[in-house]
C-alpha atoms as a PDB file:
ATOM      1  CA  LYS A   1     153.839  -8.071-115.383  1.00  0.00           C
ATOM      2  CA  PHE A   2     155.842  -6.212-117.985  1.00  0.00           C
ATOM      3  CA  LYS A   3     153.289  -3.404-118.166  1.00  0.00           C
ATOM      4  CA  LEU A   4     153.222  -3.188-114.377  1.00  0.00           C
ATOM      5  CA  LYS A   5     157.020  -2.938-114.154  1.00  0.00           C
ATOM      6  CA  LYS A   6     157.089  -0.312-116.880  1.00  0.00           C
ATOM      7  CA  ARG A   7     154.442   1.790-115.133  1.00  0.00           C
ATOM      8  CA  ILE A   8     156.209   1.568-111.749  1.00  0.00           C
ATOM      9  CA  LEU A   9     159.691   2.342-113.083  1.00  0.00           C
ATOM     10  CA  LEU A  10     158.659   5.244-115.274  1.00  0.00           C
ATOM     11  CA  GLY A  11     156.474   6.543-112.464  1.00  0.00           C
ATOM     12  CA  LEU A  12     159.537   7.100-110.277  1.00  0.00           C
ATOM     13  CA  GLY A  13     160.667  10.029-112.421  1.00  0.00           C
ATOM     14  CA  ASP A  14     163.815  11.765-111.158  1.00  0.00           C
ATOM     15  CA  ARG A  15     163.952   9.496-108.123  1.00  0.00           C
ATOM     16  CA  LEU A  16     165.303   6.674-110.310  1.00  0.00           C
ATOM     17  CA  THR A  17     168.918   6.290-111.402  1.00  0.00           C
ATOM     18  CA  LEU A  18     170.003   3.137-113.220  1.00  0.00           C
ATOM     19  CA  ALA A  19     173.459   1.709-112.484  1.00  0.00           C
ATOM     20  CA  PRO A  20     174.500  -0.588-115.368  1.00  0.00           C
ATOM     21  CA  VAL A  21     177.848  -2.328-114.812  1.00  0.00           C
ATOM     22  CA  SER A  22     179.308  -1.482-118.230  1.00  0.00           C
ATOM     23  CA  VAL A  23     179.121   1.060-121.026  1.00  0.00           C
ATOM     24  CA  TRP A  24     177.790  -1.671-123.315  1.00  0.00           C
ATOM     25  CA  LEU A  25     174.912  -2.382-120.936  1.00  0.00           C
ATOM     26  CA  ALA A  26     174.184   1.333-120.594  1.00  0.00           C
ATOM     27  CA  ASN A  27     173.873   1.545-124.381  1.00  0.00           C
ATOM     28  CA  GLU A  28     171.502  -1.423-124.346  1.00  0.00           C
ATOM     29  CA  VAL A  29     169.348   0.377-121.773  1.00  0.00           C
ATOM     30  CA  LYS A  30     169.109   3.324-124.183  1.00  0.00           C
ATOM     31  CA  LYS A  31     167.358   1.007-126.647  1.00  0.00           C
ATOM     32  CA  SER A  32     164.600   0.194-124.146  1.00  0.00           C
ATOM     33  CA  PHE A  33     161.633   2.043-122.662  1.00  0.00           C
ATOM     34  CA  LEU A  34     164.086   3.228-120.000  1.00  0.00           C
ATOM     35  CA  LYS A  35     166.058   5.245-122.546  1.00  0.00           C
ATOM     36  CA  ASN A  36     165.237   8.586-120.894  1.00  0.00           C
ATOM     37  CA  VAL A  37     166.060   7.455-117.347  1.00  0.00           C
ATOM     38  CA  ARG A  38     169.275   8.804-115.823  1.00  0.00           C
ATOM     39  CA  CYS A  39     172.154   6.268-116.030  1.00  0.00           C
ATOM     40  CA  SER A  40     175.428   6.064-114.148  1.00  0.00           C
ATOM     41  CA  VAL A  41     177.813   3.229-115.033  1.00  0.00           C
ATOM     42  CA  VAL A  42     179.052   1.501-111.859  1.00  0.00           C
ATOM     43  CA  PRO A  43     181.356  -1.429-112.720  1.00  0.00           C
ATOM     44  CA  ASN A  44     181.526  -4.538-110.577  1.00  0.00           C
ATOM     45  CA  GLY A  45     184.303  -4.394-107.992  1.00  0.00           C
ATOM     46  CA  ILE A  46     186.772  -6.966-106.680  1.00  0.00           C
ATOM     47  CA  ASP A  47     188.609  -7.415-103.398  1.00  0.00           C
ATOM     48  CA  MET A  48     192.198  -6.453-104.246  1.00  0.00           C
ATOM     49  CA  GLY A  49     193.271  -7.803-100.879  1.00  0.00           C
ATOM     50  CA  VAL A  50     192.411 -11.305-102.106  1.00  0.00           C
ATOM     51  CA  PHE A  51     192.857 -11.052-105.855  1.00  0.00           C
ATOM     52  CA  LYS A  52     196.565 -10.314-106.160  1.00  0.00           C
ATOM     53  CA  PRO A  53     199.635 -12.156-107.461  1.00  0.00           C
ATOM     54  CA  THR A  54     199.792 -15.251-105.253  1.00  0.00           C
ATOM     55  CA  ILE A  55     202.433 -17.981-105.329  1.00  0.00           C
ATOM     56  CA  ASP A  56     201.427 -21.374-103.976  1.00  0.00           C
ATOM     57  CA  THR A  57     203.585 -24.278-105.118  1.00  0.00           C
ATOM     58  CA  GLY A  58     200.987 -26.794-103.930  1.00  0.00           C
ATOM     59  CA  VAL A  59     198.118 -25.607-106.113  1.00  0.00           C
ATOM     60  CA  ARG A  60     199.129 -27.841-109.051  1.00  0.00           C
ATOM     61  CA  ASP A  61     199.074 -30.973-106.936  1.00  0.00           C
ATOM     62  CA  LYS A  62     195.857 -29.994-105.158  1.00  0.00           C
ATOM     63  CA  TYR A  63     193.924 -29.755-108.427  1.00  0.00           C
ATOM     64  CA  GLY A  64     195.873 -32.263-110.538  1.00  0.00           C
ATOM     65  CA  ILE A  65     197.248 -29.663-112.940  1.00  0.00           C
ATOM     66  CA  PRO A  66     200.150 -30.968-115.078  1.00  0.00           C
ATOM     67  CA  ASN A  67     203.443 -29.148-115.507  1.00  0.00           C
ATOM     68  CA  GLY A  68     203.656 -26.772-118.434  1.00  0.00           C
ATOM     69  CA  ARG A  69     201.904 -23.629-119.566  1.00  0.00           C
ATOM     70  CA  ILE A  70     198.402 -23.088-118.229  1.00  0.00           C
ATOM     71  CA  ILE A  71     195.547 -21.510-120.194  1.00  0.00           C
ATOM     72  CA  LEU A  72     192.704 -20.964-117.750  1.00  0.00           C
ATOM     73  CA  GLY A  73     188.994 -20.306-118.031  1.00  0.00           C
ATOM     74  CA  ALA A  74     186.549 -19.795-115.164  1.00  0.00           C
ATOM     75  CA  ALA A  75     182.756 -19.748-114.969  1.00  0.00           C
ATOM     76  CA  THR A  76     180.008 -20.576-112.502  1.00  0.00           C
ATOM     77  CA  ASP A  77     177.923 -22.365-115.131  1.00  0.00           C
ATOM     78  CA  TRP A  78     179.737 -23.829-118.118  1.00  0.00           C
ATOM     79  CA  GLY A  79     177.697 -24.038-121.295  1.00  0.00           C
ATOM     80  CA  GLU A  80     177.585 -22.814-124.847  1.00  0.00           C
ATOM     81  CA  ARG A  81     177.101 -19.172-123.830  1.00  0.00           C
ATOM     82  CA  LYS A  82     180.389 -19.404-121.961  1.00  0.00           C
ATOM     83  CA  GLY A  83     182.076 -20.860-125.046  1.00  0.00           C
ATOM     84  CA  LEU A  84     182.635 -24.397-123.754  1.00  0.00           C
ATOM     85  CA  SER A  85     182.775 -25.904-127.242  1.00  0.00           C
ATOM     86  CA  ASP A  86     185.337 -23.268-128.263  1.00  0.00           C
ATOM     87  CA  TYR A  87     187.681 -24.386-125.480  1.00  0.00           C
ATOM     88  CA  CYS A  88     187.235 -27.967-126.712  1.00  0.00           C
ATOM     89  CA  ARG A  89     188.156 -26.870-130.244  1.00  0.00           C
ATOM     90  CA  LEU A  90     191.138 -24.899-128.983  1.00  0.00           C
ATOM     91  CA  VAL A  91     192.725 -27.867-127.216  1.00  0.00           C
ATOM     92  CA  GLY A  92     193.528 -29.462-130.595  1.00  0.00           C
ATOM     93  CA  LYS A  93     195.855 -26.557-131.424  1.00  0.00           C
ATOM     94  CA  LEU A  94     197.922 -26.625-128.244  1.00  0.00           C
ATOM     95  CA  ALA A  95     201.489 -27.856-127.928  1.00  0.00           C
ATOM     96  CA  ASP A  96     202.259 -30.824-125.686  1.00  0.00           C
ATOM     97  CA  ASP A  97     203.339 -28.557-122.823  1.00  0.00           C
ATOM     98  CA  GLU A  98     200.230 -26.334-123.003  1.00  0.00           C
ATOM     99  CA  HIS A  99     197.144 -27.266-120.992  1.00  0.00           C
ATOM    100  CA  ILE A 100     193.653 -25.798-120.626  1.00  0.00           C
ATOM    101  CA  VAL A 101     192.200 -25.627-117.110  1.00  0.00           C
ATOM    102  CA  LEU A 102     188.491 -24.909-116.723  1.00  0.00           C
ATOM    103  CA  VAL A 103     187.253 -23.956-113.263  1.00  0.00           C
ATOM    104  CA  GLY A 104     183.627 -24.182-112.194  1.00  0.00           C
ATOM    105  CA  GLY A 105     182.352 -27.250-114.025  1.00  0.00           C
ATOM    106  CA  SER A 106     179.875 -29.798-112.746  1.00  0.00           C
ATOM    107  CA  ASP A 107     180.890 -33.447-112.452  1.00  0.00           C
ATOM    108  CA  GLU A 108     178.869 -34.129-115.618  1.00  0.00           C
ATOM    109  CA  ILE A 109     180.667 -31.426-117.609  1.00  0.00           C
ATOM    110  CA  ILE A 110     184.097 -32.434-116.295  1.00  0.00           C
ATOM    111  CA  GLY A 111     183.471 -36.055-117.222  1.00  0.00           C
ATOM    112  CA  LYS A 112     182.895 -35.097-120.860  1.00  0.00           C
ATOM    113  CA  LEU A 113     185.938 -32.848-121.316  1.00  0.00           C
ATOM    114  CA  PRO A 114     188.399 -33.987-124.002  1.00  0.00           C
ATOM    115  CA  ARG A 115     191.975 -34.982-123.313  1.00  0.00           C
ATOM    116  CA  GLY A 116     194.136 -31.937-122.700  1.00  0.00           C
ATOM    117  CA  ILE A 117     191.564 -30.077-120.590  1.00  0.00           C
ATOM    118  CA  VAL A 118     191.668 -30.281-116.807  1.00  0.00           C
ATOM    119  CA  GLY A 119     188.284 -29.703-115.189  1.00  0.00           C
ATOM    120  CA  ILE A 120     188.014 -28.307-111.665  1.00  0.00           C
ATOM    121  CA  ARG A 121     184.737 -28.238-109.794  1.00  0.00           C
ATOM    122  CA  ARG A 122     183.359 -24.912-108.661  1.00  0.00           C
ATOM    123  CA  THR A 123     185.077 -23.482-105.618  1.00  0.00           C
ATOM    124  CA  ASP A 124     183.708 -20.818-103.296  1.00  0.00           C
ATOM    125  CA  SER A 125     187.244 -20.026-102.143  1.00  0.00           C
ATOM    126  CA  LYS A 126     188.376 -16.670-103.518  1.00  0.00           C
ATOM    127  CA  GLU A 127     191.839 -17.463-102.185  1.00  0.00           C
ATOM    128  CA  ASP A 128     192.054 -20.623-104.295  1.00  0.00           C
ATOM    129  CA  MET A 129     190.827 -18.716-107.339  1.00  0.00           C
ATOM    130  CA  ALA A 130     193.583 -16.141-106.808  1.00  0.00           C
ATOM    131  CA  LYS A 131     196.136 -18.969-106.708  1.00  0.00           C
ATOM    132  CA  LEU A 132     194.763 -20.470-109.928  1.00  0.00           C
ATOM    133  CA  TYR A 133     194.668 -17.116-111.738  1.00  0.00           C
ATOM    134  CA  SER A 134     198.254 -16.481-110.626  1.00  0.00           C
ATOM    135  CA  LEU A 135     199.394 -19.923-111.768  1.00  0.00           C
ATOM    136  CA  ALA A 136     197.941 -19.401-115.254  1.00  0.00           C
ATOM    137  CA  ASP A 137     200.029 -17.976-118.080  1.00  0.00           C
ATOM    138  CA  VAL A 138     196.899 -16.664-119.839  1.00  0.00           C
ATOM    139  CA  VAL A 139     193.240 -16.437-118.820  1.00  0.00           C
ATOM    140  CA  LEU A 140     190.578 -16.732-121.529  1.00  0.00           C
ATOM    141  CA  SER A 141     187.045 -15.387-121.664  1.00  0.00           C
ATOM    142  CA  LEU A 142     185.408 -16.977-124.702  1.00  0.00           C
ATOM    143  CA  SER A 143     181.894 -16.005-123.658  1.00  0.00           C
ATOM    144  CA  TYR A 144     179.317 -15.021-126.247  1.00  0.00           C
ATOM    145  CA  ALA A 145     177.674 -12.505-123.894  1.00  0.00           C
ATOM    146  CA  GLU A 146     178.891 -10.748-120.738  1.00  0.00           C
ATOM    147  CA  THR A 147     177.341  -7.726-119.069  1.00  0.00           C
ATOM    148  CA  PHE A 148     180.737  -7.089-117.452  1.00  0.00           C
ATOM    149  CA  GLY A 149     183.354  -9.890-117.308  1.00  0.00           C
ATOM    150  CA  LEU A 150     184.443 -10.329-113.703  1.00  0.00           C
ATOM    151  CA  THR A 151     186.933 -13.125-114.411  1.00  0.00           C
ATOM    152  CA  ILE A 152     188.835 -10.779-116.729  1.00  0.00           C
ATOM    153  CA  VAL A 153     189.410  -8.247-113.952  1.00  0.00           C
ATOM    154  CA  GLU A 154     190.147 -10.930-111.337  1.00  0.00           C
ATOM    155  CA  ALA A 155     192.796 -12.466-113.597  1.00  0.00           C
ATOM    156  CA  ASN A 156     194.432  -9.092-114.218  1.00  0.00           C
ATOM    157  CA  ALA A 157     194.455  -8.372-110.488  1.00  0.00           C
ATOM    158  CA  CYS A 158     196.487 -11.558-110.048  1.00  0.00           C
ATOM    159  CA  GLY A 159     198.965 -10.338-112.665  1.00  0.00           C
ATOM    160  CA  THR A 160     197.793 -12.542-115.523  1.00  0.00           C
ATOM    161  CA  PRO A 161     196.998 -11.234-119.035  1.00  0.00           C
ATOM    162  CA  VAL A 162     193.769 -12.187-120.814  1.00  0.00           C
ATOM    163  CA  VAL A 163     192.362 -13.037-124.230  1.00  0.00           C
ATOM    164  CA  VAL A 164     188.697 -12.129-124.750  1.00  0.00           C
ATOM    165  CA  TYR A 165     186.102 -12.126-127.509  1.00  0.00           C
ATOM    166  CA  ASP A 166     185.066  -8.830-129.099  1.00  0.00           C
ATOM    167  CA  ASN A 167     181.431  -8.968-128.016  1.00  0.00           C
ATOM    168  CA  THR A 168     179.229  -7.196-125.458  1.00  0.00           C
ATOM    169  CA  ALA A 169     181.135  -5.630-122.523  1.00  0.00           C
ATOM    170  CA  GLN A 170     184.337  -7.667-122.645  1.00  0.00           C
ATOM    171  CA  PRO A 171     186.499  -5.381-124.833  1.00  0.00           C
ATOM    172  CA  GLU A 172     185.959  -2.502-122.398  1.00  0.00           C
ATOM    173  CA  LEU A 173     188.167  -4.291-119.868  1.00  0.00           C
ATOM    174  CA  VAL A 174     191.170  -4.869-122.126  1.00  0.00           C
ATOM    175  CA  GLN A 175     193.891  -2.362-122.926  1.00  0.00           C
ATOM    176  CA  HIS A 176     196.974  -2.898-125.093  1.00  0.00           C
ATOM    177  CA  ASP A 177     199.151  -4.149-122.213  1.00  0.00           C
ATOM    178  CA  ASN A 178     196.819  -6.345-120.144  1.00  0.00           C
ATOM    179  CA  GLY A 179     195.449  -8.617-122.866  1.00  0.00           C
ATOM    180  CA  LEU A 180     194.180  -9.002-126.412  1.00  0.00           C
ATOM    181  CA  VAL A 181     190.729  -8.907-128.038  1.00  0.00           C
ATOM    182  CA  VAL A 182     189.913 -11.303-130.886  1.00  0.00           C
ATOM    183  CA  ARG A 183     186.966 -11.941-133.163  1.00  0.00           C
ATOM    184  CA  THR A 184     184.213 -13.977-131.539  1.00  0.00           C
ATOM    185  CA  GLY A 185     184.405 -17.655-132.436  1.00  0.00           C
ATOM    186  CA  ASP A 186     187.755 -17.393-134.242  1.00  0.00           C
ATOM    187  CA  ILE A 187     189.784 -20.157-132.580  1.00  0.00           C
ATOM    188  CA  ASP A 188     192.811 -19.571-134.808  1.00  0.00           C
ATOM    189  CA  ALA A 189     192.872 -15.957-133.621  1.00  0.00           C
ATOM    190  CA  VAL A 190     192.537 -17.095-129.998  1.00  0.00           C
ATOM    191  CA  TYR A 191     195.560 -19.358-130.258  1.00  0.00           C
ATOM    192  CA  GLU A 192     197.558 -16.716-132.113  1.00  0.00           C
ATOM    193  CA  ALA A 193     196.785 -14.228-129.320  1.00  0.00           C
ATOM    194  CA  ILE A 194     197.877 -16.774-126.713  1.00  0.00           C
ATOM    195  CA  CYS A 195     201.177 -17.261-128.544  1.00  0.00           C
ATOM    196  CA  ILE A 196     201.730 -13.493-128.754  1.00  0.00           C
ATOM    197  CA  ILE A 197     201.197 -13.080-125.025  1.00  0.00           C
ATOM    198  CA  LEU A 198     203.446 -16.018-124.155  1.00  0.00           C
ATOM    199  CA  SER A 199     206.228 -14.692-126.379  1.00  0.00           C
ATOM    200  CA  LYS A 200     205.970 -11.055-125.234  1.00  0.00           C
ATOM    201  CA  LYS A 201     205.988 -11.244-121.461  1.00  0.00           C
ATOM    202  CA  HIS A 202     207.885  -7.946-121.408  1.00  0.00           C
ATOM    203  CA  ILE A 203     204.763  -6.224-122.747  1.00  0.00           C
ATOM    204  CA  PHE A 204     202.083  -8.051-120.776  1.00  0.00           C
ATOM    205  CA  MET A 205     203.790  -7.602-117.425  1.00  0.00           C
ATOM    206  CA  THR A 206     202.309  -8.453-114.047  1.00  0.00           C
ATOM    207  CA  GLU A 207     202.540  -4.826-112.935  1.00  0.00           C
ATOM    208  CA  LYS A 208     200.587  -3.575-115.958  1.00  0.00           C
ATOM    209  CA  CYS A 209     197.827  -6.137-115.472  1.00  0.00           C
ATOM    210  CA  CYS A 210     197.512  -5.232-111.800  1.00  0.00           C
ATOM    211  CA  LYS A 211     197.403  -1.529-112.624  1.00  0.00           C
ATOM    212  CA  ASN A 212     194.487  -2.086-114.994  1.00  0.00           C
ATOM    213  CA  ALA A 213     192.594  -4.127-112.388  1.00  0.00           C
ATOM    214  CA  ALA A 214     193.109  -1.438-109.751  1.00  0.00           C
ATOM    215  CA  LYS A 215     190.434   0.628-111.533  1.00  0.00           C
ATOM    216  CA  TYR A 216     187.894  -1.941-110.338  1.00  0.00           C
ATOM    217  CA  THR A 217     188.718  -2.197-106.662  1.00  0.00           C
ATOM    218  CA  GLU A 218     185.692  -2.441-104.380  1.00  0.00           C
END
């Protein structure tokens, strides 16, 4: 099958253009047998009409989110690649008024989450996701591999700064005023970055986050 795919793809010649979603992925393509094929990076896009700063005072009650500062993570399939164990390690460093909210977990995953982490089952409602992103004080992406990092852009579009790991495509999405990049797996650095963002709201402003996300409109 691999040989067949290779023969078909290379046989297309100039008719083929690859559209990786990030510069990192484009560089990975250059390491493959497709290295001489024309590439044009086309990032994933989001609906800025939905993902925008959204105030909904009922969203805490709807999802059982306690009062206090919210540190949010979102994924469609929580596991080790998405850094689930790192969120569980991080919760031990939080103050009493700081809470982690993880969106997208199965009932099995949610049932195993430690105290201090609120688990929310996967929702297909983009509107609810916009409300949750907007409610959060910081959105984390502790993934160990991302070809793009859609949650990072969605969070920024809702006016919320991010903290991401320094691997794969994630750092491409973060500038100096919409979030911070930390060393992969360094939980102390993650919490330090969270504290910096919470204490410097004048730098990581809603307007700056939205401006960064506007580069990725559909």
